[in-house]
Amino acid sequence: MNKSKPQVKIHNVETGEIIVRDANADELAQMEIDAANSATAKAEANAKAEAKAAILDRIGLTADELKTILG
């Protein structure tokens, strides 16, 4: 199987030159860090949304009803 490497696109807005090249080791490492951070943020957001939904369910309100009360 031919797995392609991630590409980096560099656009020089002064000259209009566009360079597309394979990512180097530092860029690949940063991409992995960014992906891990994104996954962590998504998991935290999901956990927060689930906790909020559980509280609303416990008090018997929908999100829209709570917005109306607090609005």
N, C-alpha and C. Protein backbone atom coordinates (compact mmCIF):
# COMPACT_ATOMS: atom_id res chain seq x y z
N MET A 1 0.84 -1.19 0.00
CA MET A 1 0.00 0.00 0.00
C MET A 1 0.88 1.25 0.00
N ASN A 2 0.58 2.19 -0.84
CA ASN A 2 1.36 3.42 -0.96
C ASN A 2 0.72 4.51 -0.09
N LYS A 3 1.34 4.76 1.05
CA LYS A 3 0.82 5.78 1.96
C LYS A 3 1.52 7.11 1.67
N SER A 4 0.75 8.13 1.34
CA SER A 4 1.34 9.42 1.02
C SER A 4 1.67 10.18 2.29
N LYS A 5 2.70 10.98 2.20
CA LYS A 5 3.10 11.81 3.33
C LYS A 5 2.24 13.06 3.38
N PRO A 6 2.02 13.61 4.58
CA PRO A 6 1.33 14.89 4.67
C PRO A 6 2.11 15.97 3.92
N GLN A 7 1.39 16.88 3.34
CA GLN A 7 1.99 17.95 2.55
C GLN A 7 1.88 19.29 3.29
N VAL A 8 2.82 20.14 3.02
CA VAL A 8 2.82 21.50 3.54
C VAL A 8 2.73 22.43 2.33
N LYS A 9 1.81 23.39 2.41
CA LYS A 9 1.65 24.35 1.31
C LYS A 9 2.08 25.72 1.82
N ILE A 10 3.02 26.32 1.12
CA ILE A 10 3.53 27.64 1.47
C ILE A 10 3.17 28.59 0.33
N HIS A 11 2.46 29.66 0.67
CA HIS A 11 2.03 30.63 -0.34
C HIS A 11 2.67 31.98 -0.02
N ASN A 12 3.53 32.43 -0.89
CA ASN A 12 4.14 33.74 -0.76
C ASN A 12 3.19 34.75 -1.39
N VAL A 13 2.52 35.54 -0.56
CA VAL A 13 1.51 36.46 -1.07
C VAL A 13 2.12 37.64 -1.83
N GLU A 14 3.39 37.93 -1.60
CA GLU A 14 4.03 39.03 -2.32
C GLU A 14 4.33 38.64 -3.76
N THR A 15 4.80 37.41 -3.97
CA THR A 15 5.20 36.99 -5.31
C THR A 15 4.17 36.10 -5.98
N GLY A 16 3.24 35.55 -5.19
CA GLY A 16 2.25 34.63 -5.73
C GLY A 16 2.77 33.21 -5.85
N GLU A 17 4.01 33.00 -5.48
CA GLU A 17 4.62 31.66 -5.57
C GLU A 17 3.98 30.72 -4.55
N ILE A 18 3.68 29.51 -4.99
CA ILE A 18 3.12 28.49 -4.12
C ILE A 18 4.05 27.28 -4.15
N ILE A 19 4.47 26.85 -2.98
CA ILE A 19 5.34 25.68 -2.85
C ILE A 19 4.57 24.62 -2.08
N VAL A 20 4.52 23.41 -2.63
CA VAL A 20 3.91 22.27 -1.94
C VAL A 20 5.01 21.23 -1.78
N ARG A 21 5.23 20.80 -0.53
CA ARG A 21 6.30 19.84 -0.27
C ARG A 21 5.87 18.89 0.84
N ASP A 22 6.62 17.80 0.99
CA ASP A 22 6.37 16.88 2.09
C ASP A 22 6.72 17.56 3.41
N ALA A 23 5.95 17.25 4.43
CA ALA A 23 6.22 17.80 5.76
C ALA A 23 7.52 17.21 6.30
N ASN A 24 8.27 18.05 7.02
CA ASN A 24 9.51 17.55 7.63
C ASN A 24 9.20 16.96 9.01
N ALA A 25 10.21 16.44 9.68
CA ALA A 25 10.02 15.74 10.96
C ALA A 25 9.40 16.65 12.02
N ASP A 26 9.84 17.90 12.10
CA ASP A 26 9.29 18.83 13.09
C ASP A 26 7.81 19.11 12.81
N GLU A 27 7.47 19.29 11.54
CA GLU A 27 6.08 19.55 11.17
C GLU A 27 5.20 18.34 11.44
N LEU A 28 5.72 17.14 11.15
CA LEU A 28 4.97 15.92 11.44
C LEU A 28 4.72 15.77 12.94
N ALA A 29 5.74 16.08 13.74
CA ALA A 29 5.59 16.00 15.19
C ALA A 29 4.54 17.00 15.67
N GLN A 30 4.56 18.21 15.11
CA GLN A 30 3.58 19.23 15.50
C GLN A 30 2.17 18.81 15.07
N MET A 31 2.04 18.18 13.91
CA MET A 31 0.74 17.70 13.46
C MET A 31 0.18 16.66 14.43
N GLU A 32 1.05 15.79 14.93
CA GLU A 32 0.63 14.78 15.91
C GLU A 32 0.19 15.44 17.21
N ILE A 33 0.95 16.43 17.66
CA ILE A 33 0.59 17.16 18.89
C ILE A 33 -0.75 17.86 18.71
N ASP A 34 -0.93 18.52 17.56
CA ASP A 34 -2.18 19.23 17.28
C ASP A 34 -3.37 18.26 17.24
N ALA A 35 -3.16 17.08 16.64
CA ALA A 35 -4.24 16.08 16.57
C ALA A 35 -4.60 15.59 17.97
N ALA A 36 -3.59 15.36 18.80
CA ALA A 36 -3.84 14.91 20.17
C ALA A 36 -4.57 15.99 20.97
N ASN A 37 -4.14 17.24 20.82
CA ASN A 37 -4.80 18.35 21.52
C ASN A 37 -6.24 18.50 21.07
N SER A 38 -6.47 18.33 19.78
CA SER A 38 -7.83 18.44 19.24
C SER A 38 -8.71 17.32 19.79
N ALA A 39 -8.18 16.11 19.85
CA ALA A 39 -8.94 14.97 20.39
C ALA A 39 -9.26 15.19 21.87
N THR A 40 -8.30 15.72 22.61
CA THR A 40 -8.53 16.00 24.04
C THR A 40 -9.60 17.07 24.21
N ALA A 41 -9.52 18.14 23.43
CA ALA A 41 -10.51 19.22 23.52
C ALA A 41 -11.90 18.71 23.16
N LYS A 42 -11.98 17.86 22.14
CA LYS A 42 -13.27 17.31 21.74
C LYS A 42 -13.84 16.42 22.83
N ALA A 43 -13.01 15.59 23.45
CA ALA A 43 -13.46 14.72 24.53
C ALA A 43 -13.93 15.55 25.73
N GLU A 44 -13.22 16.63 26.05
CA GLU A 44 -13.61 17.49 27.16
C GLU A 44 -14.94 18.19 26.86
N ALA A 45 -15.12 18.65 25.63
CA ALA A 45 -16.37 19.31 25.24
C ALA A 45 -17.53 18.33 25.31
N ASN A 46 -17.31 17.09 24.85
CA ASN A 46 -18.36 16.08 24.93
C ASN A 46 -18.72 15.76 26.37
N ALA A 47 -17.72 15.63 27.23
CA ALA A 47 -17.97 15.35 28.64
C ALA A 47 -18.75 16.48 29.29
N LYS A 48 -18.39 17.72 28.96
CA LYS A 48 -19.09 18.88 29.51
C LYS A 48 -20.54 18.91 29.03
N ALA A 49 -20.76 18.61 27.75
CA ALA A 49 -22.13 18.60 27.20
C ALA A 49 -22.96 17.50 27.85
N GLU A 50 -22.35 16.33 28.07
CA GLU A 50 -23.06 15.24 28.73
C GLU A 50 -23.41 15.60 30.17
N ALA A 51 -22.49 16.25 30.87
CA ALA A 51 -22.75 16.66 32.25
C ALA A 51 -23.88 17.69 32.29
N LYS A 52 -23.88 18.62 31.37
CA LYS A 52 -24.93 19.64 31.30
C LYS A 52 -26.28 18.99 31.01
N ALA A 53 -26.29 18.05 30.06
CA ALA A 53 -27.53 17.36 29.73
C ALA A 53 -28.05 16.57 30.91
N ALA A 54 -27.15 15.96 31.68
CA ALA A 54 -27.56 15.19 32.86
C ALA A 54 -28.18 16.10 33.91
N ILE A 55 -27.61 17.27 34.10
CA ILE A 55 -28.17 18.23 35.08
C ILE A 55 -29.54 18.70 34.62
N LEU A 56 -29.66 19.05 33.34
CA LEU A 56 -30.96 19.50 32.83
C LEU A 56 -32.01 18.40 32.95
N ASP A 57 -31.61 17.17 32.68
CA ASP A 57 -32.52 16.04 32.80
C ASP A 57 -32.95 15.84 34.25
N ARG A 58 -32.01 16.00 35.16
CA ARG A 58 -32.30 15.84 36.58
C ARG A 58 -33.30 16.87 37.08
N ILE A 59 -33.20 18.10 36.57
CA ILE A 59 -34.14 19.14 37.04
C ILE A 59 -35.37 19.25 36.14
N GLY A 60 -35.38 18.44 35.08
CA GLY A 60 -36.57 18.37 34.23
C GLY A 60 -36.75 19.52 33.27
N LEU A 61 -35.65 20.09 32.79
CA LEU A 61 -35.73 21.20 31.84
C LEU A 61 -34.98 20.86 30.56
N THR A 62 -35.42 21.46 29.48
CA THR A 62 -34.65 21.38 28.23
C THR A 62 -33.69 22.58 28.20
N ALA A 63 -32.75 22.52 27.29
CA ALA A 63 -31.80 23.64 27.16
C ALA A 63 -32.54 24.92 26.78
N ASP A 64 -33.54 24.81 25.90
CA ASP A 64 -34.31 26.00 25.50
C ASP A 64 -35.09 26.58 26.67
N GLU A 65 -35.66 25.71 27.51
CA GLU A 65 -36.41 26.20 28.68
C GLU A 65 -35.48 26.92 29.64
N LEU A 66 -34.28 26.39 29.84
CA LEU A 66 -33.31 27.04 30.72
C LEU A 66 -32.91 28.40 30.16
N LYS A 67 -32.70 28.48 28.84
CA LYS A 67 -32.35 29.76 28.21
C LYS A 67 -33.46 30.78 28.42
N THR A 68 -34.71 30.31 28.33
CA THR A 68 -35.84 31.21 28.54
C THR A 68 -35.86 31.73 29.96
N ILE A 69 -35.60 30.86 30.91
CA ILE A 69 -35.59 31.26 32.33
C ILE A 69 -34.46 32.26 32.60
N LEU A 70 -33.29 31.97 32.05
CA LEU A 70 -32.12 32.82 32.32
C LEU A 70 -32.07 34.04 31.42
N GLY A 71 -32.85 34.00 30.32
CA GLY A 71 -32.78 34.98 29.26
C GLY A 71 -33.12 36.36 29.58
